[in-house]
């Protein structure tokens, strides 16, 4: 995870991509951190990384100068998502290690957030000319929401196929379709980075109920 952060900051400093794209590349890479928990049996060790990043990302949010130095956006409203993401990770870790959710449910939530939200932001920012003016949310675009839905469908289907999900094909389709729709809605209505919490919450609860 630290390697992903360092590489992401390096990409941002070199101006290889836009600030939003650089931030989402880090976002995507960090989501894969969940799979390291497969090898960690102690909850306190598992909590070290997300708790550290709650603190570090809070510094970035609090200090526009630090955000500017890292070549991140200095918009504090947008940077709230930097704090909400590790908070969501912390909640998932606690739910997993206390036996409330399966490992695979946490994995699906992190994959949808990491890949779905990142694709929505990157594609929506670059190509999203047609905005969806609902709920006073003018930052969301049709193409961005479509990418969120399609990417969520794809990563869930691939992961469930990879683990050999043992329910009927119809049940799997219903699970993937409903979860992807709700995840897309939660991404669309989420403002100021709060979608980093709502997506995790919605996916976790939906998959847990339908598993």
Protein backbone atom coordinates (compact mmCIF):
# COMPACT_ATOMS: atom_id res chain seq x y z
CA UNK A 1 0.00 0.00 0.00
CA UNK A 2 2.83 2.39 0.84
CA UNK A 3 4.38 1.64 -2.55
CA UNK A 4 1.11 2.58 -4.27
CA UNK A 5 0.98 5.87 -2.36
CA UNK A 6 4.60 6.74 -3.19
CA UNK A 7 4.10 5.92 -6.88
CA UNK A 8 0.87 7.90 -6.96
CA UNK A 9 2.45 10.96 -5.36
CA UNK A 10 5.36 10.66 -7.80
CA UNK A 11 2.95 10.60 -10.73
CA UNK A 12 1.17 13.65 -9.33
CA UNK A 13 4.45 15.56 -8.83
CA UNK A 14 5.58 14.80 -12.38
CA UNK A 15 2.28 16.08 -13.80
CA UNK A 16 1.90 12.96 -15.92
CA UNK A 17 -1.86 13.06 -15.42
CA UNK A 18 -4.35 15.60 -14.12
CA UNK A 19 -4.68 16.04 -10.36
CA UNK A 20 -8.00 14.21 -10.38
CA UNK A 21 -6.62 11.28 -12.38
CA UNK A 22 -3.53 11.02 -10.15
CA UNK A 23 -5.74 10.99 -7.07
CA UNK A 24 -7.94 8.25 -8.49
CA UNK A 25 -4.95 6.12 -9.50
CA UNK A 26 -3.94 6.14 -5.84
CA UNK A 27 -7.56 5.46 -4.94
CA UNK A 28 -7.64 2.42 -7.20
CA UNK A 29 -4.32 1.04 -6.03
CA UNK A 30 -5.16 1.40 -2.35
CA UNK A 31 -8.39 -0.56 -2.83
CA UNK A 32 -6.29 -3.63 -3.67
CA UNK A 33 -4.74 -3.42 -0.18
CA UNK A 34 -7.73 -5.41 1.10
CA UNK A 35 -6.25 -8.61 -0.30
CA UNK A 36 -3.23 -8.38 2.00
CA UNK A 37 -5.62 -9.09 4.89
CA UNK A 38 -5.84 -12.67 3.66
CA UNK A 39 -2.41 -13.15 5.23
CA UNK A 40 -3.04 -11.17 8.44
CA UNK A 41 -4.79 -12.83 11.37
CA UNK A 42 -4.54 -10.04 13.95
CA UNK A 43 -7.09 -7.22 13.78
CA UNK A 44 -4.75 -4.71 15.41
CA UNK A 45 -2.07 -5.28 12.79
CA UNK A 46 -4.71 -5.02 10.06
CA UNK A 47 -5.89 -1.67 11.45
CA UNK A 48 -2.44 -0.06 11.43
CA UNK A 49 -2.44 1.05 7.78
CA UNK A 50 -5.96 2.52 7.54
CA UNK A 51 -5.62 4.32 10.89
CA UNK A 52 -2.27 5.81 9.85
CA UNK A 53 -3.82 7.06 6.63
CA UNK A 54 -6.76 8.62 8.43
CA UNK A 55 -4.17 10.72 10.26
CA UNK A 56 -1.96 11.47 7.23
CA UNK A 57 -4.86 12.27 4.91
CA UNK A 58 -6.34 14.53 7.59
CA UNK A 59 -3.11 16.53 7.41
CA UNK A 60 -3.52 16.89 3.63
CA UNK A 61 -7.10 18.01 4.12
CA UNK A 62 -6.18 20.46 6.89
CA UNK A 63 -3.18 21.97 5.08
CA UNK A 64 -3.72 23.35 1.56
CA UNK A 65 0.04 23.97 1.42
CA UNK A 66 0.75 20.26 1.93
CA UNK A 67 -1.89 19.35 -0.66
CA UNK A 68 -0.31 21.79 -3.11
CA UNK A 69 3.18 20.38 -2.43
CA UNK A 70 1.91 16.88 -3.26
CA UNK A 71 0.26 18.37 -6.37
CA UNK A 72 -3.19 17.38 -5.12
CA UNK A 73 -6.17 19.65 -5.45
CA UNK A 74 -6.35 22.26 -2.67
CA UNK A 75 -10.15 22.10 -2.66
CA UNK A 76 -10.86 21.02 0.93
CA UNK A 77 -14.35 19.83 0.05
CA UNK A 78 -12.96 17.38 -2.51
CA UNK A 79 -10.13 16.35 -0.20
CA UNK A 80 -12.59 15.18 2.42
CA UNK A 81 -12.74 11.97 0.43
CA UNK A 82 -9.11 11.34 1.37
CA UNK A 83 -10.27 10.99 4.98
CA UNK A 84 -13.51 9.13 4.27
CA UNK A 85 -11.75 6.41 2.27
CA UNK A 86 -9.53 5.08 5.12
CA UNK A 87 -12.46 5.49 7.53
CA UNK A 88 -14.45 3.12 5.30
CA UNK A 89 -11.48 0.76 5.15
CA UNK A 90 -11.26 0.79 8.96
CA UNK A 91 -14.95 -0.03 9.28
CA UNK A 92 -14.63 -2.92 6.83
CA UNK A 93 -11.62 -4.32 8.68
CA UNK A 94 -13.52 -4.27 11.97
CA UNK A 95 -16.59 -5.91 10.41
CA UNK A 96 -14.45 -8.63 8.84
CA UNK A 97 -12.31 -9.47 11.86
CA UNK A 98 -15.30 -9.48 14.21
CA UNK A 99 -17.09 -11.96 11.96
CA UNK A 100 -19.91 -9.78 10.68
CA UNK A 101 -18.92 -10.04 7.02
CA UNK A 102 -17.04 -12.51 4.86
CA UNK A 103 -13.68 -11.64 3.35
CA UNK A 104 -15.21 -11.72 -0.13
CA UNK A 105 -17.91 -9.19 0.79
CA UNK A 106 -15.24 -6.74 1.88
CA UNK A 107 -13.29 -7.47 -1.29
CA UNK A 108 -16.30 -6.69 -3.49
CA UNK A 109 -16.95 -3.43 -1.64
CA UNK A 110 -13.33 -2.31 -2.05
CA UNK A 111 -13.21 -3.32 -5.72
CA UNK A 112 -16.40 -1.44 -6.56
CA UNK A 113 -15.18 1.64 -4.72
CA UNK A 114 -11.65 1.46 -6.12
CA UNK A 115 -12.36 0.64 -9.74
CA UNK A 116 -15.93 1.89 -10.15
CA UNK A 117 -15.53 5.28 -8.49
CA UNK A 118 -12.15 5.85 -10.13
CA UNK A 119 -13.44 5.08 -13.63
CA UNK A 120 -16.48 7.31 -13.07
CA UNK A 121 -14.33 10.23 -11.98
CA UNK A 122 -11.62 9.88 -14.64
CA UNK A 123 -13.94 9.30 -17.61
CA UNK A 124 -16.58 11.71 -16.33
CA UNK A 125 -14.04 14.49 -15.88
CA UNK A 126 -12.57 14.02 -19.36
CA UNK A 127 -15.65 13.26 -21.43
CA UNK A 128 -18.62 14.17 -19.26
CA UNK A 129 -20.11 17.08 -21.13
CA UNK A 130 -23.71 16.05 -20.45
CA UNK A 131 -24.40 16.61 -16.76
CA UNK A 132 -27.20 15.09 -14.69
CA UNK A 133 -28.76 18.00 -12.84
CA UNK A 134 -30.46 16.11 -10.03
CA UNK A 135 -30.21 16.62 -6.26
CA UNK A 136 -28.34 19.87 -6.95
CA UNK A 137 -25.32 17.80 -7.96
CA UNK A 138 -23.80 19.42 -11.05
CA UNK A 139 -20.48 17.54 -10.97
CA UNK A 140 -21.88 14.20 -12.10
CA UNK A 141 -22.19 13.27 -15.77
CA UNK A 142 -24.11 10.66 -17.73
CA UNK A 143 -20.92 9.02 -19.03
CA UNK A 144 -19.36 9.01 -15.55
CA UNK A 145 -22.37 7.30 -13.97
CA UNK A 146 -22.52 4.83 -16.86
CA UNK A 147 -18.85 3.97 -16.31
CA UNK A 148 -19.50 3.47 -12.61
CA UNK A 149 -22.29 1.01 -13.40
CA UNK A 150 -20.42 -0.92 -16.10
CA UNK A 151 -17.20 -1.11 -14.10
CA UNK A 152 -19.03 -2.25 -10.97
CA UNK A 153 -20.78 -4.97 -12.98
CA UNK A 154 -17.49 -6.08 -14.51
CA UNK A 155 -15.34 -6.27 -11.38
CA UNK A 156 -18.06 -8.04 -9.41
CA UNK A 157 -18.65 -10.59 -12.17
CA UNK A 158 -14.93 -11.28 -12.55
CA UNK A 159 -14.35 -11.63 -8.81
CA UNK A 160 -17.32 -13.92 -8.21
CA UNK A 161 -16.23 -16.06 -11.14
CA UNK A 162 -12.68 -16.14 -9.76
CA UNK A 163 -13.77 -17.38 -6.32
CA UNK A 164 -16.25 -19.86 -7.78
CA UNK A 165 -19.39 -18.35 -6.28
CA UNK A 166 -21.60 -21.37 -5.68
CA UNK A 167 -25.11 -19.98 -6.11
CA UNK A 168 -27.22 -20.24 -9.28
CA UNK A 169 -26.39 -18.13 -12.31
CA UNK A 170 -29.67 -16.22 -11.92
CA UNK A 171 -28.90 -15.43 -8.27
CA UNK A 172 -25.44 -14.18 -9.24
CA UNK A 173 -26.86 -11.96 -11.98
CA UNK A 174 -29.43 -10.48 -9.57
CA UNK A 175 -26.75 -9.89 -6.92
CA UNK A 176 -24.40 -8.16 -9.36
CA UNK A 177 -27.10 -6.11 -11.10
CA UNK A 178 -28.83 -4.80 -7.97
CA UNK A 179 -25.54 -4.03 -6.21
CA UNK A 180 -24.17 -2.19 -9.24
CA UNK A 181 -27.31 -0.07 -9.59
CA UNK A 182 -27.29 0.89 -5.91
CA UNK A 183 -23.54 1.57 -5.97
CA UNK A 184 -24.00 3.85 -8.99
CA UNK A 185 -26.81 5.73 -7.26
CA UNK A 186 -24.74 6.14 -4.10
CA UNK A 187 -21.79 7.43 -6.16
CA UNK A 188 -24.04 9.88 -7.98
CA UNK A 189 -25.67 11.41 -4.91
CA UNK A 190 -22.45 11.43 -2.87
CA UNK A 191 -21.01 14.94 -2.58
CA UNK A 192 -17.71 16.23 -1.24
CA UNK A 193 -16.14 12.78 -1.06
CA UNK A 194 -18.92 11.21 1.03
CA UNK A 195 -19.36 8.60 -1.72
CA UNK A 196 -16.23 6.95 -0.32
CA UNK A 197 -18.44 5.98 2.61
CA UNK A 198 -21.79 5.50 0.90
CA UNK A 199 -20.46 3.18 -1.81
CA UNK A 200 -18.73 0.95 0.74
CA UNK A 201 -21.81 0.92 2.95
CA UNK A 202 -24.29 0.22 0.16
CA UNK A 203 -22.23 -2.53 -1.48
CA UNK A 204 -21.40 -4.23 1.82
CA UNK A 205 -25.01 -4.23 3.02
CA UNK A 206 -26.48 -5.27 -0.34
CA UNK A 207 -24.06 -8.14 -0.91
CA UNK A 208 -24.44 -9.26 2.71
CA UNK A 209 -28.23 -9.39 2.33
CA UNK A 210 -28.17 -11.13 -1.06
CA UNK A 211 -25.17 -13.43 -0.54
